[in-house]
N, C-alpha and C. Protein backbone atom coordinates (compact mmCIF):
# COMPACT_ATOMS: atom_id res chain seq x y z
N UNK A 1 169.87 61.28 160.83
CA UNK A 1 168.42 60.83 160.57
C UNK A 1 167.90 60.32 159.52
N UNK A 2 168.00 61.49 158.95
CA UNK A 2 167.07 61.48 157.19
C UNK A 2 168.05 60.50 156.66
N UNK A 3 169.08 60.36 156.73
CA UNK A 3 169.54 58.78 155.93
C UNK A 3 169.12 57.68 156.63
N UNK A 4 169.00 57.59 157.64
CA UNK A 4 168.20 56.16 157.98
C UNK A 4 166.90 55.95 157.63
N UNK A 5 165.62 56.86 157.64
CA UNK A 5 164.88 56.79 156.89
C UNK A 5 164.64 56.54 155.53
N UNK A 6 165.79 57.29 154.69
CA UNK A 6 165.83 56.65 153.42
C UNK A 6 165.86 55.28 153.12
N UNK A 7 167.05 55.00 154.03
CA UNK A 7 167.53 53.55 153.74
C UNK A 7 166.37 52.66 154.27
N UNK A 8 165.26 52.99 155.42
CA UNK A 8 164.42 52.37 155.54
C UNK A 8 163.41 52.26 154.59
N UNK A 9 163.01 53.14 153.67
CA UNK A 9 162.10 53.53 152.44
C UNK A 9 162.68 52.48 151.62
N UNK A 10 163.64 52.55 151.39
CA UNK A 10 164.77 51.38 150.14
C UNK A 10 164.36 50.18 150.54
N UNK A 11 164.79 49.95 151.91
CA UNK A 11 164.65 48.13 152.28
C UNK A 11 163.12 48.14 151.95
N UNK A 12 162.06 48.83 152.59
CA UNK A 12 160.91 48.51 152.21
C UNK A 12 160.53 48.39 150.96
N UNK A 13 160.48 49.21 150.20
CA UNK A 13 160.43 48.96 148.60
C UNK A 13 160.91 47.95 147.96
N UNK A 14 162.10 47.42 148.51
CA UNK A 14 163.06 46.37 147.87
C UNK A 14 162.10 44.79 148.36
N UNK A 15 161.77 44.94 149.84
CA UNK A 15 161.00 44.09 150.19
C UNK A 15 159.68 43.89 149.60
N UNK A 16 158.77 44.84 149.24
CA UNK A 16 157.61 45.05 148.38
C UNK A 16 157.58 44.52 146.96
N UNK A 17 158.72 44.62 146.48
CA UNK A 17 159.42 44.25 144.94
C UNK A 17 159.54 42.70 145.51
N UNK A 18 160.36 42.53 145.97
CA UNK A 18 160.64 40.73 146.65
C UNK A 18 159.12 39.97 146.73
N UNK A 19 158.19 40.37 147.57
CA UNK A 19 157.17 40.06 147.48
C UNK A 19 156.11 39.82 146.72
N UNK A 20 156.01 40.99 145.91
CA UNK A 20 155.16 40.70 144.78
C UNK A 20 155.78 39.40 143.47
N UNK A 21 156.93 39.78 143.66
CA UNK A 21 157.55 38.57 142.64
C UNK A 21 157.50 37.12 143.15
N UNK A 22 157.53 37.24 144.90
CA UNK A 22 156.96 35.88 144.90
C UNK A 22 155.68 35.19 144.88
N UNK A 23 154.80 36.49 144.73
CA UNK A 23 153.47 35.91 144.62
C UNK A 23 153.03 35.36 143.18
N UNK A 24 154.27 36.03 142.16
CA UNK A 24 153.73 35.29 140.73
C UNK A 24 154.37 34.32 140.82
N UNK A 25 155.68 33.71 141.64
CA UNK A 25 156.02 32.61 141.62
C UNK A 25 155.17 31.53 142.15
N UNK A 26 154.44 32.01 143.46
CA UNK A 26 153.79 30.89 144.14
C UNK A 26 152.34 30.45 143.14
N UNK A 27 151.87 31.55 142.50
CA UNK A 27 150.98 31.72 141.38
C UNK A 27 151.08 30.71 140.35
N UNK A 28 152.47 30.87 139.75
CA UNK A 28 152.97 30.19 138.45
C UNK A 28 153.42 28.64 138.97
N UNK A 29 153.50 28.58 140.09
CA UNK A 29 153.87 27.18 140.80
C UNK A 29 152.64 26.02 140.78
N UNK A 30 151.44 27.22 141.73
CA UNK A 30 150.12 26.13 141.38
C UNK A 30 149.87 26.03 140.08
N UNK A 31 149.77 26.96 139.01
CA UNK A 31 149.03 26.49 137.83
C UNK A 31 149.93 25.33 137.27
N UNK A 32 151.51 25.24 137.40
CA UNK A 32 151.97 24.81 136.53
C UNK A 32 151.90 22.89 137.23
N UNK A 33 151.75 23.15 138.48
CA UNK A 33 151.80 21.94 139.07
C UNK A 33 150.39 21.19 138.67
N UNK A 34 149.30 21.86 138.79
CA UNK A 34 147.81 21.66 138.40
C UNK A 34 148.08 20.98 137.01
N UNK A 35 148.47 21.68 135.79
CA UNK A 35 148.90 21.23 134.30
C UNK A 35 149.86 20.13 134.44
N UNK A 36 150.79 19.89 135.09
CA UNK A 36 151.72 18.58 134.91
C UNK A 36 150.71 17.34 135.57
N UNK A 37 149.99 17.68 136.33
CA UNK A 37 149.25 16.64 137.10
C UNK A 37 148.10 16.17 136.01
N UNK A 38 147.78 17.29 135.27
CA UNK A 38 146.49 16.98 134.65
C UNK A 38 147.40 16.36 133.27
N UNK A 39 148.66 16.41 132.81
CA UNK A 39 149.24 15.55 131.97
C UNK A 39 149.54 14.33 132.59
N UNK A 40 149.61 14.36 133.58
CA UNK A 40 150.34 13.06 134.01
C UNK A 40 149.11 11.90 133.91
N UNK A 41 147.75 12.65 134.30
CA UNK A 41 146.92 12.00 134.50
C UNK A 41 146.32 11.13 132.99
N UNK A 42 146.36 12.10 132.04
CA UNK A 42 146.16 12.24 130.73
C UNK A 42 147.23 10.84 130.22
N UNK A 43 148.22 11.04 130.35
CA UNK A 43 149.20 10.00 129.57
C UNK A 43 148.78 8.85 130.31
N UNK A 44 148.89 8.34 131.57
CA UNK A 44 148.44 7.26 132.47
C UNK A 44 147.01 7.15 132.01
N UNK A 45 146.07 7.67 131.81
CA UNK A 45 144.52 7.09 131.91
C UNK A 45 144.81 6.78 130.30
N UNK A 46 145.02 7.51 129.23
CA UNK A 46 144.79 7.38 127.75
C UNK A 46 143.87 8.10 127.60
N UNK A 47 142.91 8.75 128.57
CA UNK A 47 141.78 9.43 127.97
C UNK A 47 142.05 10.28 126.66
N UNK A 48 140.68 10.86 126.17
CA UNK A 48 140.84 11.60 125.12
C UNK A 48 140.96 12.78 125.21
N UNK A 49 140.71 13.65 126.57
CA UNK A 49 140.76 14.80 126.83
C UNK A 49 141.79 15.24 126.99
N UNK A 50 142.42 16.63 126.62
CA UNK A 50 143.67 16.96 126.55
C UNK A 50 144.32 17.10 128.02
N UNK A 51 145.31 16.78 128.53
CA UNK A 51 145.85 16.96 129.95
C UNK A 51 145.69 18.54 130.44
N UNK A 52 145.78 19.83 129.53
CA UNK A 52 145.60 20.74 129.72
C UNK A 52 144.15 21.19 130.43
N UNK A 53 143.69 20.42 129.56
CA UNK A 53 142.17 20.67 130.59
C UNK A 53 142.37 19.66 131.75
N UNK A 54 142.22 18.68 132.02
CA UNK A 54 142.31 17.82 132.64
C UNK A 54 143.11 18.97 134.06
N UNK A 55 144.32 19.52 133.80
CA UNK A 55 145.17 20.16 134.86
C UNK A 55 144.20 21.42 135.22
N UNK A 56 143.28 21.75 134.29
CA UNK A 56 142.30 23.27 134.38
C UNK A 56 141.26 22.82 135.37
N UNK A 57 140.85 21.65 134.92
CA UNK A 57 139.97 21.52 135.98
C UNK A 57 140.12 20.81 137.37
N UNK A 58 141.33 20.08 137.63
CA UNK A 58 141.99 20.01 138.92
C UNK A 58 142.23 21.54 139.46
N UNK A 59 142.65 22.36 138.65
CA UNK A 59 143.06 23.56 139.37
C UNK A 59 141.85 24.20 140.01
N UNK A 60 140.42 24.33 139.00
CA UNK A 60 139.25 24.56 139.77
C UNK A 60 138.45 23.65 140.70
N UNK A 61 138.82 22.59 140.78
CA UNK A 61 138.56 21.72 141.99
C UNK A 61 139.54 22.14 143.20
N UNK A 62 140.44 22.26 143.12
CA UNK A 62 141.35 22.57 144.26
C UNK A 62 140.56 24.05 144.77
N UNK A 63 140.95 25.02 143.97
CA UNK A 63 140.61 26.43 144.55
C UNK A 63 138.77 26.23 144.97
N UNK A 64 137.92 25.72 144.25
CA UNK A 64 136.61 25.16 144.33
C UNK A 64 136.28 24.97 146.07
N UNK A 65 137.14 23.75 146.47
CA UNK A 65 137.15 23.04 147.73
C UNK A 65 137.62 24.01 148.83
N UNK A 66 138.64 24.81 148.44
CA UNK A 66 139.70 25.92 149.11
C UNK A 66 140.80 24.89 149.68
N UNK A 67 141.00 24.15 148.97
CA UNK A 67 142.32 23.94 149.73
C UNK A 67 143.17 24.42 149.35
N UNK A 68 143.64 25.41 148.26
CA UNK A 68 144.18 26.72 148.18
C UNK A 68 143.66 27.81 148.04
N UNK A 69 144.08 28.97 149.10
CA UNK A 69 143.28 30.09 148.50
C UNK A 69 143.29 30.55 147.33
N UNK A 70 142.14 30.98 146.82
CA UNK A 70 142.12 31.74 145.54
C UNK A 70 143.23 33.02 145.05
N UNK A 71 143.48 33.31 146.21
CA UNK A 71 144.22 34.81 145.83
C UNK A 71 145.57 34.46 145.66
N UNK A 72 145.91 33.03 146.55
CA UNK A 72 147.26 32.78 145.94
C UNK A 72 147.41 32.23 144.36
N UNK A 73 146.34 32.29 143.58
CA UNK A 73 146.68 32.03 141.79
C UNK A 73 146.10 33.12 141.41
N UNK A 74 145.99 33.88 142.18
CA UNK A 74 145.02 35.33 141.38
C UNK A 74 146.17 36.01 140.40
N UNK A 75 147.46 36.31 140.95
CA UNK A 75 148.62 37.11 140.56
C UNK A 75 148.70 36.55 138.95
N UNK A 76 149.21 35.24 138.89
CA UNK A 76 149.46 34.47 137.69
C UNK A 76 148.45 34.32 136.88
N UNK A 77 147.18 33.93 137.11
CA UNK A 77 146.20 33.89 136.18
C UNK A 77 146.08 35.60 135.77
N UNK A 78 145.67 36.50 136.50
CA UNK A 78 145.49 37.82 135.78
C UNK A 78 146.53 38.09 134.98
N UNK A 79 147.83 37.88 135.32
CA UNK A 79 148.90 38.05 134.09
C UNK A 79 148.93 37.01 132.71
N UNK A 80 148.14 35.93 132.51
CA UNK A 80 148.13 35.34 131.96
C UNK A 80 146.56 35.43 131.06
N UNK A 81 145.83 36.03 131.69
CA UNK A 81 144.66 36.65 131.08
C UNK A 81 144.95 38.05 130.33
N UNK A 82 145.65 38.92 130.86
CA UNK A 82 145.91 39.87 130.66
C UNK A 82 146.82 40.09 129.01
N UNK A 83 147.27 38.96 128.99
CA UNK A 83 148.38 39.10 127.62
C UNK A 83 147.94 37.44 126.76
N UNK A 84 146.66 37.17 127.14
CA UNK A 84 145.90 36.28 126.18
C UNK A 84 146.06 36.22 124.57
N UNK A 85 145.86 37.24 124.40
CA UNK A 85 145.88 37.77 122.81
C UNK A 85 147.11 37.32 122.34
N UNK A 86 148.09 37.41 122.90
CA UNK A 86 149.72 36.99 122.26
C UNK A 86 149.69 35.68 122.12
N UNK A 87 149.04 34.60 123.54
CA UNK A 87 148.94 33.38 123.27
C UNK A 87 148.55 32.77 122.38
N UNK A 88 147.52 33.23 121.58
CA UNK A 88 146.76 33.06 120.48
C UNK A 88 147.52 33.08 119.00
N UNK A 89 148.61 33.79 118.79
CA UNK A 89 149.22 33.85 118.09
C UNK A 89 150.08 32.60 117.05
N UNK A 90 150.22 31.36 118.12
CA UNK A 90 150.86 30.52 117.23
C UNK A 90 149.63 29.40 117.34
N UNK A 91 149.00 29.63 117.69
CA UNK A 91 147.62 28.72 117.14
C UNK A 91 146.91 29.29 115.75
N UNK A 92 146.89 30.28 115.60
CA UNK A 92 146.88 30.98 114.45
C UNK A 92 147.80 30.75 112.97
N UNK A 93 148.96 30.73 113.91
CA UNK A 93 150.35 30.22 112.55
C UNK A 93 149.90 29.12 112.20
N UNK A 94 149.54 28.19 113.57
CA UNK A 94 149.33 26.75 113.03
C UNK A 94 148.42 26.66 112.44
N UNK A 95 147.28 27.23 112.10
CA UNK A 95 145.95 26.98 111.11
C UNK A 95 146.18 27.20 109.98
N UNK A 96 147.42 28.36 109.58
CA UNK A 96 147.86 28.63 108.13
C UNK A 96 148.06 27.23 107.42
N UNK A 97 148.59 26.05 108.12
CA UNK A 97 149.13 24.95 107.66
C UNK A 97 147.83 24.39 107.24
N UNK A 98 146.75 24.37 107.79
CA UNK A 98 145.45 23.56 107.34
C UNK A 98 144.83 24.71 106.80
N UNK A 99 145.30 25.49 106.36
CA UNK A 99 143.94 26.72 105.53
C UNK A 99 143.28 26.08 104.20
N UNK A 100 143.85 24.91 103.56
CA UNK A 100 143.02 24.18 102.54
C UNK A 100 142.10 23.25 102.63
N UNK A 101 142.37 22.49 103.93
CA UNK A 101 141.30 21.60 104.87
C UNK A 101 140.22 22.58 105.49
N UNK A 102 140.59 23.44 105.71
CA UNK A 102 139.38 24.32 106.56
C UNK A 102 138.85 24.61 105.39
N UNK A 103 139.12 25.35 104.34
CA UNK A 103 138.73 25.90 103.37
C UNK A 103 137.51 25.19 102.28
N UNK A 104 138.15 23.89 102.18
CA UNK A 104 137.47 22.66 101.76
C UNK A 104 136.13 22.21 102.92
N UNK A 105 136.24 22.46 104.51
CA UNK A 105 135.09 21.87 105.11
C UNK A 105 134.54 23.06 105.58
N UNK A 106 134.67 23.91 104.64
CA UNK A 106 133.98 25.05 105.80
C UNK A 106 132.87 25.10 106.07
N UNK A 107 131.51 24.70 105.43
CA UNK A 107 130.11 24.32 105.42
C UNK A 107 130.05 23.46 106.66
N UNK A 108 130.64 22.47 106.77
CA UNK A 108 130.53 21.33 108.30
C UNK A 108 131.19 22.20 109.32
N UNK A 109 132.14 23.23 109.44
CA UNK A 109 132.62 23.65 110.17
C UNK A 109 131.77 24.73 110.64
N UNK A 110 131.19 25.54 109.86
CA UNK A 110 130.07 26.63 109.93
C UNK A 110 129.03 26.49 110.59
N UNK A 111 128.49 25.21 110.07
CA UNK A 111 127.17 24.59 110.70
C UNK A 111 127.43 23.77 112.03
N UNK A 112 128.27 22.90 112.34
CA UNK A 112 128.35 22.48 114.00
C UNK A 112 128.89 23.82 114.91
N UNK A 113 129.53 24.63 114.36
CA UNK A 113 129.36 25.99 115.12
C UNK A 113 128.64 26.72 115.73
N UNK A 114 127.37 27.01 114.92
CA UNK A 114 126.35 27.74 114.83
C UNK A 114 125.34 26.59 115.64
N UNK A 115 125.32 25.33 115.11
CA UNK A 115 124.34 24.22 115.93
C UNK A 115 124.83 24.15 117.21
N UNK A 116 126.23 24.05 117.58
CA UNK A 116 126.64 23.73 119.26
C UNK A 116 126.04 25.15 119.75
N UNK A 117 126.27 26.68 119.24
CA UNK A 117 125.90 27.70 119.79
C UNK A 117 124.51 27.78 119.97
N UNK A 118 123.71 27.15 119.40
CA UNK A 118 122.48 27.39 119.40
C UNK A 118 121.85 26.41 120.34
N UNK A 119 122.18 24.87 120.72
CA UNK A 119 122.42 24.32 121.82
C UNK A 119 122.40 24.73 123.14
N UNK A 120 123.76 25.36 123.20
CA UNK A 120 124.11 26.41 124.31
C UNK A 120 123.22 27.40 124.69
N UNK A 121 122.90 28.08 123.71
CA UNK A 121 121.89 29.28 124.22
C UNK A 121 120.61 28.66 124.60
N UNK A 122 119.91 27.62 124.16
CA UNK A 122 118.75 26.85 124.30
C UNK A 122 119.23 26.47 126.00
N UNK A 123 120.45 25.73 125.85
CA UNK A 123 120.35 24.88 127.57
C UNK A 123 120.47 25.97 128.61
N UNK A 124 121.12 27.18 128.23
CA UNK A 124 121.45 28.33 129.24
C UNK A 124 120.14 29.11 129.45
N UNK A 125 119.17 29.14 128.49
CA UNK A 125 118.06 29.97 128.59
C UNK A 125 117.11 29.05 129.47
N UNK A 126 117.10 27.67 129.26
CA UNK A 126 116.19 26.86 130.04
C UNK A 126 116.65 26.92 131.75
N UNK A 127 117.69 26.80 131.71
CA UNK A 127 118.46 26.52 132.99
C UNK A 127 118.16 28.24 133.90
N UNK A 128 118.18 29.13 133.23
CA UNK A 128 117.91 30.72 133.76
C UNK A 128 116.62 30.58 134.10
N UNK A 129 115.50 29.87 132.88
CA UNK A 129 114.09 30.19 133.35
C UNK A 129 113.84 29.49 134.40
N UNK A 130 114.38 28.38 134.67
CA UNK A 130 113.99 27.16 136.07
C UNK A 130 114.47 27.80 137.23
N UNK A 131 115.82 28.74 137.14
CA UNK A 131 116.34 29.27 138.17
C UNK A 131 115.76 30.40 138.60
N UNK A 132 114.89 30.93 137.75
CA UNK A 132 114.43 32.23 138.02
C UNK A 132 112.62 31.91 138.88
N UNK A 133 112.18 30.30 138.28
CA UNK A 133 110.66 30.16 138.91
C UNK A 133 110.95 30.28 140.25
């Protein structure tokens, strides 16, 4: 009797592990399908927007319209966000190749960053002001 309940417990934990693994597979499949659709659209149309951004917009649209339940993509999204700092390491290393270019253009980079941030703050402030009226 005890042996049978122990086997059932092991079977349930293995099933839970498999079920959790399949949630990650489903989530990453959704994310990658949207990514590849975005890259395909970018390659076919030749627009100046990166395919990954188009894919992210596709994912947003699909989730917003309810075509795919949001909990299907939740596991993979949480995993990517949790380890996002590691994803920036290659970008940071790649910037090291252009350090001389960045240092010669520091002022325009700084001014454009501050200017665009100011524009965003003003737009958000005006939108919030009109929404709260």
